N, C-alpha and C. Protein backbone atom coordinates (compact mmCIF):
# COMPACT_ATOMS: atom_id res chain seq x y z
N MET A 1 -5.46 0.97 53.17
CA MET A 1 -4.34 0.42 53.89
C MET A 1 -3.55 -0.50 52.98
N LYS A 2 -2.25 -0.40 53.05
CA LYS A 2 -1.37 -1.24 52.24
C LYS A 2 -1.16 -2.57 52.92
N LYS A 3 -1.21 -3.63 52.10
CA LYS A 3 -0.94 -4.96 52.59
C LYS A 3 0.57 -5.15 52.60
N LYS A 4 1.13 -5.63 53.71
CA LYS A 4 2.56 -5.85 53.83
C LYS A 4 2.83 -7.23 54.41
N LYS A 5 4.07 -7.64 54.29
CA LYS A 5 4.45 -8.94 54.83
C LYS A 5 5.82 -8.83 55.46
N LYS A 6 5.95 -9.36 56.65
CA LYS A 6 7.24 -9.41 57.33
C LYS A 6 7.45 -10.87 57.73
N GLY A 7 8.35 -11.51 57.03
CA GLY A 7 8.52 -12.95 57.23
C GLY A 7 7.25 -13.65 56.78
N LYS A 8 6.68 -14.45 57.65
CA LYS A 8 5.45 -15.18 57.33
C LYS A 8 4.20 -14.42 57.79
N ILE A 9 4.42 -13.28 58.44
CA ILE A 9 3.28 -12.53 58.99
C ILE A 9 2.84 -11.46 58.00
N GLU A 10 1.57 -11.53 57.63
CA GLU A 10 0.98 -10.54 56.73
C GLU A 10 0.20 -9.53 57.57
N TYR A 11 0.34 -8.26 57.25
CA TYR A 11 -0.36 -7.23 58.01
C TYR A 11 -0.68 -6.06 57.09
N ARG A 12 -1.51 -5.16 57.58
CA ARG A 12 -1.87 -3.95 56.85
C ARG A 12 -1.37 -2.74 57.64
N GLU A 13 -0.74 -1.83 56.95
CA GLU A 13 -0.25 -0.62 57.58
C GLU A 13 -1.38 0.39 57.68
N GLY A 14 -1.57 0.97 58.84
CA GLY A 14 -2.64 1.94 59.06
C GLY A 14 -2.35 3.29 58.43
N SER A 15 -3.36 4.14 58.44
CA SER A 15 -3.28 5.45 57.80
C SER A 15 -2.99 6.57 58.79
N ASN A 16 -2.81 6.28 60.05
CA ASN A 16 -2.69 7.26 61.14
C ASN A 16 -4.04 7.85 61.53
N ASN A 17 -5.12 7.35 60.97
CA ASN A 17 -6.47 7.76 61.38
C ASN A 17 -7.28 6.47 61.54
N VAL A 18 -7.45 6.04 62.77
CA VAL A 18 -8.14 4.78 63.04
C VAL A 18 -9.56 4.78 62.47
N TYR A 19 -10.20 5.96 62.45
CA TYR A 19 -11.56 6.04 61.93
C TYR A 19 -11.59 5.79 60.42
N GLN A 20 -10.56 6.23 59.73
CA GLN A 20 -10.45 5.94 58.30
C GLN A 20 -10.19 4.45 58.09
N ASP A 21 -9.30 3.89 58.89
CA ASP A 21 -8.96 2.48 58.77
C ASP A 21 -10.17 1.58 59.02
N LEU A 22 -11.06 2.03 59.90
CA LEU A 22 -12.25 1.25 60.23
C LEU A 22 -13.42 1.52 59.28
N GLY A 23 -13.23 2.44 58.32
CA GLY A 23 -14.26 2.69 57.32
C GLY A 23 -15.35 3.65 57.74
N PHE A 24 -15.12 4.47 58.75
CA PHE A 24 -16.11 5.46 59.17
C PHE A 24 -16.32 6.50 58.08
N LYS A 25 -17.54 6.97 57.95
CA LYS A 25 -17.80 8.13 57.09
C LYS A 25 -17.24 9.35 57.82
N ASN A 26 -16.66 10.29 57.10
CA ASN A 26 -16.07 11.51 57.68
C ASN A 26 -15.02 11.19 58.76
N PRO A 27 -14.00 10.40 58.43
CA PRO A 27 -13.02 10.00 59.45
C PRO A 27 -12.26 11.18 60.04
N ASP A 28 -12.01 12.24 59.27
CA ASP A 28 -11.30 13.39 59.83
C ASP A 28 -12.13 14.07 60.91
N GLU A 29 -13.44 14.13 60.70
CA GLU A 29 -14.32 14.74 61.70
C GLU A 29 -14.32 13.90 62.98
N TRP A 30 -14.38 12.58 62.84
CA TRP A 30 -14.36 11.70 64.01
C TRP A 30 -13.04 11.86 64.77
N ALA A 31 -11.93 11.94 64.04
CA ALA A 31 -10.63 12.10 64.69
C ALA A 31 -10.55 13.44 65.41
N ALA A 32 -11.06 14.49 64.78
CA ALA A 32 -11.07 15.81 65.42
C ALA A 32 -11.91 15.79 66.69
N LYS A 33 -13.08 15.17 66.62
CA LYS A 33 -13.93 15.08 67.81
C LYS A 33 -13.23 14.31 68.93
N ALA A 34 -12.52 13.24 68.56
CA ALA A 34 -11.81 12.45 69.57
C ALA A 34 -10.73 13.29 70.25
N ARG A 35 -9.99 14.07 69.47
CA ARG A 35 -8.94 14.92 70.06
C ARG A 35 -9.55 15.99 70.96
N ILE A 36 -10.63 16.62 70.51
CA ILE A 36 -11.28 17.65 71.32
C ILE A 36 -11.83 17.05 72.61
N ALA A 37 -12.49 15.90 72.50
CA ALA A 37 -13.05 15.23 73.67
C ALA A 37 -11.94 14.86 74.66
N THR A 38 -10.81 14.43 74.15
CA THR A 38 -9.68 14.10 75.02
C THR A 38 -9.24 15.33 75.80
N GLU A 39 -9.16 16.46 75.13
CA GLU A 39 -8.76 17.70 75.81
C GLU A 39 -9.79 18.09 76.87
N ILE A 40 -11.07 17.92 76.54
CA ILE A 40 -12.13 18.23 77.50
C ILE A 40 -11.95 17.39 78.76
N PHE A 41 -11.68 16.10 78.59
CA PHE A 41 -11.56 15.24 79.76
C PHE A 41 -10.25 15.44 80.52
N VAL A 42 -9.21 15.91 79.85
CA VAL A 42 -7.99 16.31 80.56
C VAL A 42 -8.32 17.47 81.50
N LEU A 43 -9.10 18.44 81.00
CA LEU A 43 -9.47 19.60 81.82
C LEU A 43 -10.40 19.21 82.95
N ILE A 44 -11.35 18.32 82.68
CA ILE A 44 -12.26 17.85 83.72
C ILE A 44 -11.47 17.18 84.83
N LYS A 45 -10.52 16.32 84.45
CA LYS A 45 -9.69 15.63 85.45
C LYS A 45 -8.83 16.63 86.21
N LYS A 46 -8.24 17.57 85.49
CA LYS A 46 -7.37 18.58 86.11
C LYS A 46 -8.14 19.38 87.16
N ARG A 47 -9.40 19.67 86.87
CA ARG A 47 -10.23 20.44 87.81
C ARG A 47 -10.92 19.56 88.85
N LYS A 48 -10.75 18.25 88.72
CA LYS A 48 -11.35 17.28 89.64
C LYS A 48 -12.87 17.40 89.66
N LEU A 49 -13.45 17.55 88.47
CA LEU A 49 -14.90 17.67 88.35
C LEU A 49 -15.52 16.28 88.18
N THR A 50 -16.70 16.11 88.74
CA THR A 50 -17.47 14.91 88.46
C THR A 50 -18.16 15.10 87.10
N GLN A 51 -18.68 14.02 86.55
CA GLN A 51 -19.43 14.14 85.29
C GLN A 51 -20.65 15.02 85.49
N LYS A 52 -21.27 14.94 86.65
CA LYS A 52 -22.44 15.78 86.93
C LYS A 52 -22.04 17.25 86.95
N GLN A 53 -20.93 17.58 87.62
CA GLN A 53 -20.47 18.96 87.66
C GLN A 53 -20.10 19.46 86.26
N ALA A 54 -19.43 18.62 85.49
CA ALA A 54 -19.07 19.01 84.12
C ALA A 54 -20.33 19.25 83.30
N GLY A 55 -21.32 18.39 83.46
CA GLY A 55 -22.59 18.56 82.74
C GLY A 55 -23.26 19.88 83.08
N GLU A 56 -23.21 20.26 84.34
CA GLU A 56 -23.80 21.54 84.76
C GLU A 56 -23.07 22.71 84.09
N ILE A 57 -21.75 22.61 84.00
CA ILE A 57 -20.97 23.66 83.34
C ILE A 57 -21.31 23.72 81.85
N PHE A 58 -21.49 22.55 81.22
CA PHE A 58 -21.76 22.48 79.77
C PHE A 58 -23.23 22.69 79.42
N GLY A 59 -24.10 22.60 80.42
CA GLY A 59 -25.53 22.71 80.15
C GLY A 59 -26.12 21.44 79.58
N ILE A 60 -25.54 20.30 79.96
CA ILE A 60 -26.05 19.00 79.52
C ILE A 60 -26.15 18.08 80.73
N THR A 61 -26.77 16.93 80.57
CA THR A 61 -26.91 16.00 81.68
C THR A 61 -25.63 15.20 81.89
N GLN A 62 -25.53 14.59 83.06
CA GLN A 62 -24.39 13.72 83.36
C GLN A 62 -24.33 12.59 82.35
N GLY A 63 -25.48 12.09 81.94
CA GLY A 63 -25.53 10.99 80.97
C GLY A 63 -24.89 11.37 79.63
N ARG A 64 -25.11 12.60 79.22
CA ARG A 64 -24.50 13.07 77.95
C ARG A 64 -22.99 13.20 78.11
N VAL A 65 -22.51 13.62 79.30
CA VAL A 65 -21.07 13.68 79.55
C VAL A 65 -20.50 12.26 79.47
N SER A 66 -21.22 11.30 80.02
CA SER A 66 -20.81 9.91 79.97
C SER A 66 -20.75 9.42 78.51
N ASP A 67 -21.75 9.79 77.71
CA ASP A 67 -21.75 9.44 76.28
C ASP A 67 -20.46 9.92 75.61
N LEU A 68 -20.10 11.16 75.90
CA LEU A 68 -18.90 11.75 75.32
C LEU A 68 -17.66 10.99 75.77
N LYS A 69 -17.59 10.68 77.04
CA LYS A 69 -16.42 9.97 77.58
C LYS A 69 -16.29 8.58 76.96
N ARG A 70 -17.42 7.95 76.62
CA ARG A 70 -17.41 6.63 76.01
C ARG A 70 -17.20 6.68 74.50
N GLY A 71 -16.95 7.87 73.96
CA GLY A 71 -16.62 7.97 72.54
C GLY A 71 -17.82 7.99 71.61
N GLN A 72 -18.99 8.30 72.11
CA GLN A 72 -20.17 8.38 71.27
C GLN A 72 -20.24 9.77 70.63
N PHE A 73 -19.26 10.04 69.76
CA PHE A 73 -19.09 11.36 69.17
C PHE A 73 -20.18 11.73 68.18
N ASP A 74 -20.91 10.74 67.68
CA ASP A 74 -21.99 11.04 66.73
C ASP A 74 -23.09 11.86 67.39
N LYS A 75 -23.12 11.91 68.71
CA LYS A 75 -24.14 12.66 69.44
C LYS A 75 -23.77 14.13 69.64
N PHE A 76 -22.55 14.53 69.19
CA PHE A 76 -22.06 15.88 69.41
C PHE A 76 -21.45 16.44 68.13
N SER A 77 -21.73 17.70 67.86
CA SER A 77 -21.08 18.37 66.73
C SER A 77 -19.73 18.90 67.19
N VAL A 78 -18.86 19.18 66.25
CA VAL A 78 -17.58 19.81 66.57
C VAL A 78 -17.83 21.13 67.27
N GLU A 79 -18.81 21.88 66.79
CA GLU A 79 -19.14 23.18 67.40
C GLU A 79 -19.56 23.03 68.86
N LYS A 80 -20.34 22.01 69.14
CA LYS A 80 -20.79 21.78 70.53
C LYS A 80 -19.59 21.45 71.41
N LEU A 81 -18.68 20.61 70.91
CA LEU A 81 -17.49 20.27 71.68
C LEU A 81 -16.63 21.50 71.95
N MET A 82 -16.52 22.37 70.95
CA MET A 82 -15.77 23.60 71.14
C MET A 82 -16.44 24.49 72.18
N SER A 83 -17.76 24.47 72.23
CA SER A 83 -18.47 25.28 73.23
C SER A 83 -18.19 24.75 74.64
N PHE A 84 -17.95 23.43 74.77
CA PHE A 84 -17.60 22.88 76.08
C PHE A 84 -16.23 23.41 76.52
N LEU A 85 -15.29 23.53 75.59
CA LEU A 85 -13.99 24.10 75.92
C LEU A 85 -14.14 25.56 76.36
N ASN A 86 -15.00 26.30 75.64
CA ASN A 86 -15.26 27.69 76.04
C ASN A 86 -15.86 27.74 77.44
N ALA A 87 -16.77 26.82 77.75
CA ALA A 87 -17.39 26.79 79.07
C ALA A 87 -16.36 26.49 80.17
N LEU A 88 -15.26 25.84 79.78
CA LEU A 88 -14.18 25.56 80.72
C LEU A 88 -13.13 26.68 80.71
N ASP A 89 -13.50 27.82 80.10
CA ASP A 89 -12.66 29.02 80.04
C ASP A 89 -11.43 28.86 79.15
N TYR A 90 -11.57 28.13 78.05
CA TYR A 90 -10.51 28.01 77.07
C TYR A 90 -10.97 28.57 75.74
N ASP A 91 -10.10 29.32 75.10
CA ASP A 91 -10.36 29.81 73.75
C ASP A 91 -10.12 28.67 72.76
N VAL A 92 -10.84 28.71 71.66
CA VAL A 92 -10.64 27.76 70.58
C VAL A 92 -10.28 28.56 69.34
N GLU A 93 -9.18 28.21 68.73
CA GLU A 93 -8.69 28.93 67.55
C GLU A 93 -8.67 27.97 66.36
N ILE A 94 -9.20 28.44 65.24
CA ILE A 94 -9.18 27.64 64.01
C ILE A 94 -8.21 28.31 63.06
N ARG A 95 -7.22 27.55 62.60
CA ARG A 95 -6.24 28.06 61.65
C ARG A 95 -6.42 27.37 60.31
N ILE A 96 -6.33 28.14 59.26
CA ILE A 96 -6.44 27.60 57.91
C ILE A 96 -5.16 27.95 57.18
N HIS A 97 -4.54 26.93 56.56
CA HIS A 97 -3.29 27.15 55.82
C HIS A 97 -3.16 26.08 54.74
N PRO A 98 -2.25 26.29 53.79
CA PRO A 98 -2.06 25.29 52.74
C PRO A 98 -1.69 23.94 53.34
N LYS A 99 -2.10 22.88 52.67
CA LYS A 99 -1.81 21.55 53.19
C LYS A 99 -0.31 21.30 53.20
N VAL A 100 0.13 20.51 54.17
CA VAL A 100 1.55 20.20 54.30
C VAL A 100 1.83 18.73 53.96
N ALA A 101 0.80 17.94 53.86
CA ALA A 101 0.95 16.53 53.50
C ALA A 101 0.33 16.32 52.12
N GLU A 102 0.38 15.09 51.65
CA GLU A 102 -0.16 14.77 50.33
C GLU A 102 -1.65 15.09 50.23
N ALA A 103 -2.37 14.78 51.31
CA ALA A 103 -3.80 15.06 51.34
C ALA A 103 -4.09 16.09 52.42
N ALA A 104 -5.03 16.99 52.16
CA ALA A 104 -5.44 17.96 53.18
C ALA A 104 -6.13 17.21 54.31
N ARG A 105 -6.05 17.76 55.52
CA ARG A 105 -6.64 17.09 56.67
C ARG A 105 -7.09 18.10 57.72
N VAL A 106 -7.83 17.61 58.69
CA VAL A 106 -8.23 18.40 59.85
C VAL A 106 -7.29 18.00 60.97
N TYR A 107 -6.74 18.98 61.67
CA TYR A 107 -5.80 18.70 62.74
C TYR A 107 -6.19 19.50 63.97
N VAL A 108 -6.18 18.85 65.10
CA VAL A 108 -6.49 19.52 66.36
C VAL A 108 -5.23 19.49 67.21
N SER A 109 -4.76 20.66 67.62
CA SER A 109 -3.61 20.72 68.51
C SER A 109 -4.05 21.47 69.77
N HIS A 110 -3.20 21.45 70.76
CA HIS A 110 -3.58 22.12 72.01
C HIS A 110 -2.37 22.79 72.63
N SER A 111 -2.67 23.71 73.49
CA SER A 111 -1.63 24.34 74.31
C SER A 111 -2.23 24.59 75.69
N LEU A 112 -2.62 23.49 76.32
CA LEU A 112 -3.19 23.59 77.67
C LEU A 112 -2.07 23.97 78.62
N VAL A 113 -2.22 25.13 79.19
CA VAL A 113 -1.17 25.65 80.07
C VAL A 113 -1.41 25.23 81.49
């Protein structure tokens, strides 16, 4: 993060990845998991499912659904999160292409219809 100053206020400009800014190992993976988890919970809310019902669909306990909702992403692999989307009847597509920014990155987008 770059150190900047505006008037008397000194601040650091973020990198657009909070996990990187906080010093997490594998920040792109954490950011991807956060985006996927967000999509999962959008679908859960849209379907008006309880955490228990979502857990039954995913084959996990309500407590594990709660872990995911609280951002405990270290307990889930990206593959496992993608399987939850599949269980909610959504396809997951992985696209690989040349980088468009200075550094290559992992990006999660959605088209929830």
